[in-house]
Amino acid sequence: MGSASMAGLFVAGCTTVPEEVAAPAVAPAEPTVPAFYASMYAAMPNEQFPIPAVDLARVPERFWRRQVDYRTEHPVGTIVVDRTTFFLHLVQEGGKAMRYGVGLGKAGFSWSGTGDIAWKRPWPTWTPPAEMIAREPELERWSAENGGMPPGLDNPLGARALYIFEDGVDTLYRIHGSPEYWSIGKAVSSGCVRLINQDVIDLYDRVPSGSKLIVT
């Protein structure tokens, strides 16, 4: 022990009035996630590429998947994406809808209109469009000529993709999964509608090809 430390001990030993010691700071308790939601967003080890659990502390609670009251004139099975609220609603019977939080495209890249889900793919290959490659030449290695980016946890389309067509023409936009669950509720992607991987799997299982899509 150094002389300075020893001096400190001797000074403390000669003190007749006990020194006040500040109480240790107590970290705020972590909010408890209800078991229902913890299970909903738990790891999915049986997927082709095992999906890790979602840290729901990084996702605002309003964007957690849930069934809600939803009055609309759209028929059951319609997908409605509201860009102002960052919600996707799947219209259900009895004035209900399954609601999911989504991330959307940056200003200038987002698409709106009415389309159809032409087809669906689990663990899809991602092929960036020519316009994107022109902006980001490093994506050339994933071009159609090069076979696209193989599926996996790092693939921008995530665990599932629903392909959006308008009047029979591919819009090049997708509803898809993303491992970047902290981006839900934000405008961060290049135009597509992204969901938490656990959510896009749930949506994929509920929505048949040919379903109507409305992006407002």
Foldseek 3Di string as FASTA:
>chain_A
DDPVVVVVVVVCVPDPDDDDDDDDDDDDDDDDDPPVQQVLQAWACPAPATRHGDPCVLPPPVQRKDKDQADDPDDQQEWEAEPVFQWIWHHHPPRMTIIHFKEFADPPQADFDKWFQQAKDFQDFDADDPVVCVVPVVSVCQHVVNPGHGGYLPHQQHGMWGFTDDPNHGPSEIEGEHCPQSNGPYHDDRHHIYGHNSVVVVVVVVHHGGHMYGYD
